[in-house]
Structures are given as C-alpha cells and as structure tokens.
C-alpha cells in the first residue's frame, strides 16, 4: 500500500470516503441487533458467506480468478482468519453485552495497534517519539472507557470490551500481513479471502452453535443480510477502490469518522446513552490517532 496517489483528492473521493465510513460505522448497530437471536460464530459465518457468494460471482463476471495454488495461499488463509473470521466473532461476542457505540470507540484503536505491529515486523514503519505519544494517548482512552471496573476484577462486560479491542488488534495484524501479499484485483482478493474465512468457520459453527436448532428473529435475519451486503461486501470494494485511486493515507481519515458515526448511530437508532466517560475516551483515542499519524508523516 502506498500514500496519496495525488494531493488533490476531488469531491467524489470524499463522497466515497464518507460512504465507506458510514457503511462501516452502521455495522456495529446491525451486529447488536443480529446477536440478539443469532450466536456470534453463526453471525460471522453468515455475513461472510453471503458476501463471498456475491463477490465470487462478480469476480467471475468480470473475468477474474482465484490465484494459482502456492505459498500465497498461506498468507490468504492468515488474512481470512485474522482479518475476518476471528475479529467478526470477537466483535459480535462483545456486543452481546456492550453497546454498539462502545464497540465503535474500541475499534478506533486499530491504527494504533497497527503502528506497534508494523514496528516489529516491518523495516519501513518504525516508531518514533511522536508515534509513541500518540499510541499512549490512544490506549489511555481505552483505559478511561474500561474504567475503574477493571480494577475491581475483570467482570463480564470488561472481558467483552477487551474482546472487541482484540478484534481491533486482529485487523492490525491482518493489515501487516496483507502488505506482504502480491498485488491482485480488489474483487478477486476480497472473494478468495471471504471464501476461506467462511470455510474456516464451518466446523466451529457446527460444533458450538448447531445452527439448525436456532430460531433467529426477522430483525436479526435482516441485520445479517445488511452486514453481508454492505459492511462486508460493498465496503470491501469501496475500500480497495479508494486505495487504488488515492492510496492508503487517504483511507486513514476513516479512523476519525467511524467511531464518531458509530456513537451517533447507537444513540439515534438503538437509544444507547452516551456517557461522559465514553466521550472522554473517544476524544483521547482520536487525539492519539491524530498524533500517531503526524509522527508517521514526520518520519516520511
């Protein structure tokens, strides 16, 4: 991945960026609705399988294909697990008990964890003093969000908050792995990863959830359809489209939009109460992202 393709992003680029952030931020509310009657593992499989079918059909219609069998498939398998199946499950499991707005804030630490992971596993993205300050600010926001409850013992809600944060860490790991993969068409790459991720979830889903015994509500089913079509399927196409025309740096503005929009949707559509502690945590996390990005640009 590269930085900006050109310094003059046009209005249409910002429209696509806002659309992408809106779709991703709405996923937290949809997950909250879905997990009311669908277990997290079955939810993760269902949204990925739906998106995999659609993207595979698109790939075939556009003349694409899966890569030839070889070492690349090891990386694709890892991205499927760490970048899709595992975080989708962790976020869903967390939202069984915590609000969608809190999940959105916790996911905002993804770029901070990416910076730490990239420092260890890459030679070109090492930490500097400014980045470290940003990372410290961001994770202090997580500490504020978790709050003193953690000091009294890891209750169920705290563990679920940490699960969502673990999903953010998974995304960070996956982004570093993805950089080592050979280039591919966005739809082709998305299709093969989602097919692999869906297959990975099948034995676990059958063993733990026994999905044939479930009775999901109509609302949960529609939430799964929404998650599969938009935050999982369409969002992947928009993401790789913007990467191609504007570069990865432009995409990082999502890190500001998604948590704020996620908090807004939770308040408007689910009636979630926004506590002052959550707003303080959001401010610290966003400040941490801003400082870390400044450190990355200074290094560049």
Protein backbone atom coordinates (compact mmCIF):
# COMPACT_ATOMS: atom_id res chain seq x y z
CA UNK A 1 0.00 0.00 0.00
CA UNK A 2 1.12 3.50 -0.74
CA UNK A 3 0.26 7.00 0.42
CA UNK A 4 -1.69 9.55 -1.57
CA UNK A 5 -1.71 8.95 -5.31
CA UNK A 6 -2.08 12.71 -5.76
CA UNK A 7 -2.51 15.64 -3.34
CA UNK A 8 -5.76 16.89 -4.89
CA UNK A 9 -8.49 14.49 -3.87
CA UNK A 10 -11.72 15.52 -5.56
CA UNK A 11 -15.22 15.87 -4.11
CA UNK A 12 -16.20 12.41 -5.39
CA UNK A 13 -13.31 10.86 -3.44
CA UNK A 14 -14.60 12.42 -0.23
CA UNK A 15 -18.12 11.24 -1.00
CA UNK A 16 -16.82 7.67 -1.36
CA UNK A 17 -14.83 8.05 1.87
CA UNK A 18 -17.88 9.27 3.77
CA UNK A 19 -19.97 6.45 2.27
CA UNK A 20 -17.39 3.88 3.33
CA UNK A 21 -17.19 5.28 6.86
CA UNK A 22 -20.98 5.35 7.11
CA UNK A 23 -21.32 1.73 5.99
CA UNK A 24 -18.63 0.51 8.39
CA UNK A 25 -19.98 2.54 11.30
CA UNK A 26 -23.50 1.19 10.78
CA UNK A 27 -22.19 -2.36 11.16
CA UNK A 28 -21.92 -2.02 14.94
CA UNK A 29 -25.63 -1.33 15.32
CA UNK A 30 -26.52 -4.14 12.92
CA UNK A 31 -24.33 -6.55 14.88
CA UNK A 32 -26.10 -5.51 18.09
CA UNK A 33 -29.47 -6.38 16.52
CA UNK A 34 -28.22 -9.64 14.98
CA UNK A 35 -26.67 -11.13 18.13
CA UNK A 36 -29.97 -10.88 19.99
CA UNK A 37 -31.03 -14.20 18.41
CA UNK A 38 -28.00 -15.37 16.38
CA UNK A 39 -24.82 -16.59 18.11
CA UNK A 40 -21.65 -14.64 17.18
CA UNK A 41 -19.98 -17.53 15.33
CA UNK A 42 -23.04 -18.20 13.16
CA UNK A 43 -23.37 -14.46 12.57
CA UNK A 44 -19.75 -14.19 11.44
CA UNK A 45 -20.16 -17.15 9.07
CA UNK A 46 -23.46 -15.91 7.65
CA UNK A 47 -22.28 -12.39 6.77
CA UNK A 48 -19.02 -13.68 5.26
CA UNK A 49 -20.69 -16.46 3.28
CA UNK A 50 -23.24 -14.07 1.77
CA UNK A 51 -20.52 -11.59 0.79
CA UNK A 52 -18.31 -14.43 -0.52
CA UNK A 53 -21.02 -15.68 -2.87
CA UNK A 54 -21.73 -12.22 -4.24
CA UNK A 55 -18.08 -11.25 -4.70
CA UNK A 56 -17.19 -14.60 -6.28
CA UNK A 57 -20.00 -14.13 -8.82
CA UNK A 58 -18.75 -10.59 -9.52
CA UNK A 59 -15.20 -11.90 -9.93
CA UNK A 60 -16.31 -14.49 -12.48
CA UNK A 61 -18.46 -11.98 -14.39
CA UNK A 62 -15.51 -9.60 -14.63
CA UNK A 63 -13.15 -12.33 -15.82
CA UNK A 64 -11.23 -12.69 -12.57
CA UNK A 65 -9.98 -15.86 -10.92
CA UNK A 66 -8.51 -17.22 -7.73
CA UNK A 67 -4.69 -17.27 -7.58
CA UNK A 68 -2.76 -20.41 -8.51
CA UNK A 69 -2.05 -22.78 -5.66
CA UNK A 70 1.17 -21.84 -3.90
CA UNK A 71 2.72 -20.03 -0.93
CA UNK A 72 0.40 -17.05 -1.43
CA UNK A 73 -2.44 -19.17 -0.09
CA UNK A 74 -0.75 -19.31 3.34
CA UNK A 75 -0.95 -15.53 3.59
CA UNK A 76 -4.51 -15.51 2.27
CA UNK A 77 -5.51 -18.14 4.86
CA UNK A 78 -3.99 -15.98 7.61
CA UNK A 79 -5.73 -12.82 6.40
CA UNK A 80 -9.04 -14.71 6.21
CA UNK A 81 -8.71 -15.89 9.81
CA UNK A 82 -7.15 -12.83 11.48
CA UNK A 83 -8.76 -10.17 9.30
CA UNK A 84 -12.28 -11.59 9.02
CA UNK A 85 -13.47 -14.64 10.94
CA UNK A 86 -11.78 -14.02 14.29
CA UNK A 87 -12.50 -10.27 14.61
CA UNK A 88 -16.08 -10.68 13.36
CA UNK A 89 -16.62 -13.27 16.10
CA UNK A 90 -14.90 -11.19 18.81
CA UNK A 91 -16.86 -8.05 17.99
CA UNK A 92 -20.15 -9.97 17.85
CA UNK A 93 -19.41 -11.74 21.16
CA UNK A 94 -18.55 -8.42 22.77
CA UNK A 95 -21.74 -6.75 21.56
CA UNK A 96 -23.88 -9.42 23.17
CA UNK A 97 -23.47 -7.36 26.35
CA UNK A 98 -21.89 -3.98 25.48
CA UNK A 99 -23.37 -1.10 23.48
CA UNK A 100 -22.58 -0.69 19.80
CA UNK A 101 -21.24 2.81 20.47
CA UNK A 102 -18.63 1.46 22.88
CA UNK A 103 -17.64 -1.15 20.32
CA UNK A 104 -17.12 1.60 17.73
CA UNK A 105 -14.85 3.53 20.09
CA UNK A 106 -12.84 0.42 20.96
CA UNK A 107 -12.34 -0.41 17.28
CA UNK A 108 -10.76 3.02 16.79
CA UNK A 109 -7.55 1.72 18.38
CA UNK A 110 -6.89 -0.38 15.25
CA UNK A 111 -4.45 2.10 13.63
CA UNK A 112 -2.59 2.40 16.94
CA UNK A 113 -2.12 -1.36 17.23
CA UNK A 114 -1.12 -1.45 13.56
CA UNK A 115 1.66 1.03 14.28
CA UNK A 116 3.01 -1.21 17.06
CA UNK A 117 2.81 -4.38 14.97
CA UNK A 118 4.38 -2.70 11.93
CA UNK A 119 7.29 -1.54 14.09
CA UNK A 120 8.09 -5.15 14.98
CA UNK A 121 7.51 -6.81 11.61
CA UNK A 122 8.49 -4.18 9.03
CA UNK A 123 11.65 -2.20 8.32
CA UNK A 124 9.97 0.91 6.90
CA UNK A 125 7.42 1.80 9.61
CA UNK A 126 9.43 2.11 12.80
CA UNK A 127 8.16 4.00 15.83
CA UNK A 128 9.42 7.43 16.79
CA UNK A 129 8.76 9.70 19.76
CA UNK A 130 5.67 11.34 18.26
CA UNK A 131 4.13 7.99 17.34
CA UNK A 132 4.72 6.69 20.86
CA UNK A 133 2.95 9.70 22.35
CA UNK A 134 0.00 9.10 20.04
CA UNK A 135 -0.18 5.41 20.93
CA UNK A 136 -0.04 6.26 24.65
CA UNK A 137 -2.88 8.77 24.23
CA UNK A 138 -4.99 6.30 22.32
CA UNK A 139 -4.62 3.47 24.78
CA UNK A 140 -5.23 5.82 27.69
CA UNK A 141 -8.62 6.40 26.04
CA UNK A 142 -9.27 2.66 26.19
CA UNK A 143 -8.31 2.68 29.88
CA UNK A 144 -10.80 5.50 30.51
CA UNK A 145 -13.50 3.59 28.62
CA UNK A 146 -12.94 0.37 30.56
CA UNK A 147 -12.83 2.48 33.73
CA UNK A 148 -12.34 1.53 37.38
CA UNK A 149 -14.49 -1.58 36.93
CA UNK A 150 -11.39 -3.37 35.70
CA UNK A 151 -9.57 -2.59 38.93
CA UNK A 152 -12.30 -4.34 40.90
CA UNK A 153 -11.86 -7.52 38.89
CA UNK A 154 -12.46 -8.46 35.28
CA UNK A 155 -16.23 -8.60 35.08
CA UNK A 156 -18.13 -9.92 32.08
CA UNK A 157 -18.54 -6.50 30.46
CA UNK A 158 -14.84 -5.70 30.76
CA UNK A 159 -13.88 -9.02 29.19
CA UNK A 160 -16.28 -8.34 26.32
CA UNK A 161 -14.82 -4.87 25.84
CA UNK A 162 -11.38 -6.43 25.66
CA UNK A 163 -12.72 -8.92 23.10
CA UNK A 164 -13.78 -6.05 20.84
CA UNK A 165 -10.39 -4.42 21.33
CA UNK A 166 -8.89 -7.79 20.43
CA UNK A 167 -10.80 -7.58 17.16
CA UNK A 168 -9.04 -4.27 16.50
CA UNK A 169 -5.69 -5.96 17.15
CA UNK A 170 -6.64 -8.69 14.67
CA UNK A 171 -7.33 -6.08 12.00
CA UNK A 172 -3.93 -4.53 12.68
CA UNK A 173 -2.17 -7.88 12.28
CA UNK A 174 -4.12 -8.59 9.09
CA UNK A 175 -3.16 -5.24 7.55
CA UNK A 176 0.53 -6.01 8.08
CA UNK A 177 0.16 -9.50 6.56
CA UNK A 178 -1.73 -8.06 3.59
CA UNK A 179 1.19 -5.79 2.73
CA UNK A 180 3.37 -8.85 2.13
CA UNK A 181 0.94 -10.38 -0.39
CA UNK A 182 1.42 -9.91 -4.15
CA UNK A 183 -0.90 -7.36 -5.82
CA UNK A 184 -4.30 -8.53 -7.02
CA UNK A 185 -7.58 -7.09 -8.28
CA UNK A 186 -9.69 -5.88 -5.33
CA UNK A 187 -12.70 -8.08 -6.07
CA UNK A 188 -10.52 -11.16 -6.67
CA UNK A 189 -8.64 -10.67 -3.39
CA UNK A 190 -11.82 -9.99 -1.41
CA UNK A 191 -13.61 -13.03 -2.88
CA UNK A 192 -10.90 -15.56 -2.09
CA UNK A 193 -10.35 -14.22 1.43
CA UNK A 194 -14.06 -14.32 2.26
CA UNK A 195 -14.44 -17.83 0.83
CA UNK A 196 -11.58 -19.04 3.01
CA UNK A 197 -12.90 -17.21 6.07
CA UNK A 198 -16.34 -18.76 5.61
CA UNK A 199 -14.92 -22.27 5.30
CA UNK A 200 -12.82 -21.75 8.43
CA UNK A 201 -15.93 -21.01 10.47
CA UNK A 202 -17.99 -24.01 9.34
CA UNK A 203 -16.64 -26.72 11.69
CA UNK A 204 -16.63 -24.39 14.72
CA UNK A 205 -20.17 -23.21 13.95
CA UNK A 206 -21.47 -26.78 13.59
CA UNK A 207 -19.73 -27.90 16.78
CA UNK A 208 -20.71 -24.99 19.05
CA UNK A 209 -23.86 -23.41 17.62
CA UNK A 210 -25.66 -26.25 15.83
CA UNK A 211 -27.31 -23.63 13.59
CA UNK A 212 -30.15 -25.93 12.51
CA UNK A 213 -31.52 -25.59 16.07
CA UNK A 214 -31.62 -21.78 16.03
CA UNK A 215 -34.73 -19.64 15.68
CA UNK A 216 -33.49 -16.20 14.61
CA UNK A 217 -35.87 -13.27 14.60
CA UNK A 218 -36.82 -11.44 11.43
CA UNK A 219 -34.87 -8.40 12.63
CA UNK A 220 -31.72 -10.46 13.17
CA UNK A 221 -32.02 -12.05 9.72
CA UNK A 222 -32.32 -8.65 8.04
CA UNK A 223 -29.34 -7.45 10.08
CA UNK A 224 -27.28 -10.36 8.72
CA UNK A 225 -28.35 -9.54 5.16
CA UNK A 226 -27.33 -5.92 5.68
CA UNK A 227 -23.96 -6.94 7.17
CA UNK A 228 -23.23 -9.32 4.32
CA UNK A 229 -24.21 -6.96 1.52
CA UNK A 230 -22.80 -3.69 2.80
CA UNK A 231 -20.18 -3.69 5.64
CA UNK A 232 -18.68 -6.98 4.40
CA UNK A 233 -19.24 -6.96 0.62
CA UNK A 234 -19.72 -3.44 -0.73
CA UNK A 235 -17.32 -1.91 1.80
CA UNK A 236 -14.51 -4.17 0.55
CA UNK A 237 -15.00 -2.90 -3.00
CA UNK A 238 -15.11 0.75 -1.90
CA UNK A 239 -12.04 0.26 0.28
CA UNK A 240 -9.90 -1.19 -2.48
CA UNK A 241 -11.24 1.37 -4.96
CA UNK A 242 -10.07 4.24 -2.77
CA UNK A 243 -6.77 2.50 -2.11
CA UNK A 244 -6.23 2.29 -5.87
CA UNK A 245 -7.04 5.91 -6.69
CA UNK A 246 -5.94 7.78 -3.55
CA UNK A 247 -3.73 5.44 -1.57
CA UNK A 248 -3.77 4.15 1.99
CA UNK A 249 -3.13 7.51 3.64
CA UNK A 250 -6.46 8.85 2.41
CA UNK A 251 -8.26 5.85 3.93
CA UNK A 252 -6.88 6.67 7.39
CA UNK A 253 -9.40 9.51 7.72
CA UNK A 254 -11.92 6.74 8.37
CA UNK A 255 -10.29 6.37 11.77
CA UNK A 256 -11.86 9.68 12.77
CA UNK A 257 -15.23 9.21 11.10
CA UNK A 258 -16.13 5.63 12.10
CA UNK A 259 -16.06 5.93 15.91
CA UNK A 260 -17.94 9.25 15.90
CA UNK A 261 -20.57 7.93 13.48
CA UNK A 262 -20.84 4.66 15.41
CA UNK A 263 -21.60 6.58 18.61
CA UNK A 264 -24.17 8.70 16.73
CA UNK A 265 -25.99 5.70 15.21
CA UNK A 266 -26.13 3.92 18.56
CA UNK A 267 -27.74 7.00 20.11
CA UNK A 268 -30.21 7.64 17.26
CA UNK A 269 -31.31 4.11 16.30
CA UNK A 270 -30.77 1.98 19.40
CA UNK A 271 -31.40 4.54 22.14
CA UNK A 272 -27.97 3.98 23.68
CA UNK A 273 -26.98 6.51 26.35
CA UNK A 274 -23.66 8.22 25.67
CA UNK A 275 -21.88 8.54 29.00
CA UNK A 276 -19.34 11.33 29.63
CA UNK A 277 -16.69 8.66 30.16
CA UNK A 278 -17.29 7.32 26.66
CA UNK A 279 -17.00 10.81 25.15
CA UNK A 280 -13.75 11.42 27.04
CA UNK A 281 -12.39 8.09 25.84
CA UNK A 282 -13.40 8.92 22.26
CA UNK A 283 -11.57 12.24 22.45
CA UNK A 284 -8.39 10.60 23.75
CA UNK A 285 -8.46 7.85 21.12
CA UNK A 286 -8.98 10.31 18.25
CA UNK A 287 -6.24 12.57 19.60
CA UNK A 288 -3.93 9.55 19.78
CA UNK A 289 -4.68 8.65 16.16
CA UNK A 290 -4.01 12.24 15.07
CA UNK A 291 -0.65 12.40 16.88
CA UNK A 292 0.40 8.95 15.60
CA UNK A 293 -0.44 9.95 12.03
CA UNK A 294 1.58 13.14 12.48
CA UNK A 295 4.51 11.02 13.64
CA UNK A 296 4.19 8.80 10.56
CA UNK A 297 4.24 11.84 8.25
CA UNK A 298 7.23 13.34 10.06
CA UNK A 299 9.14 10.11 9.55
CA UNK A 300 8.15 10.00 5.88
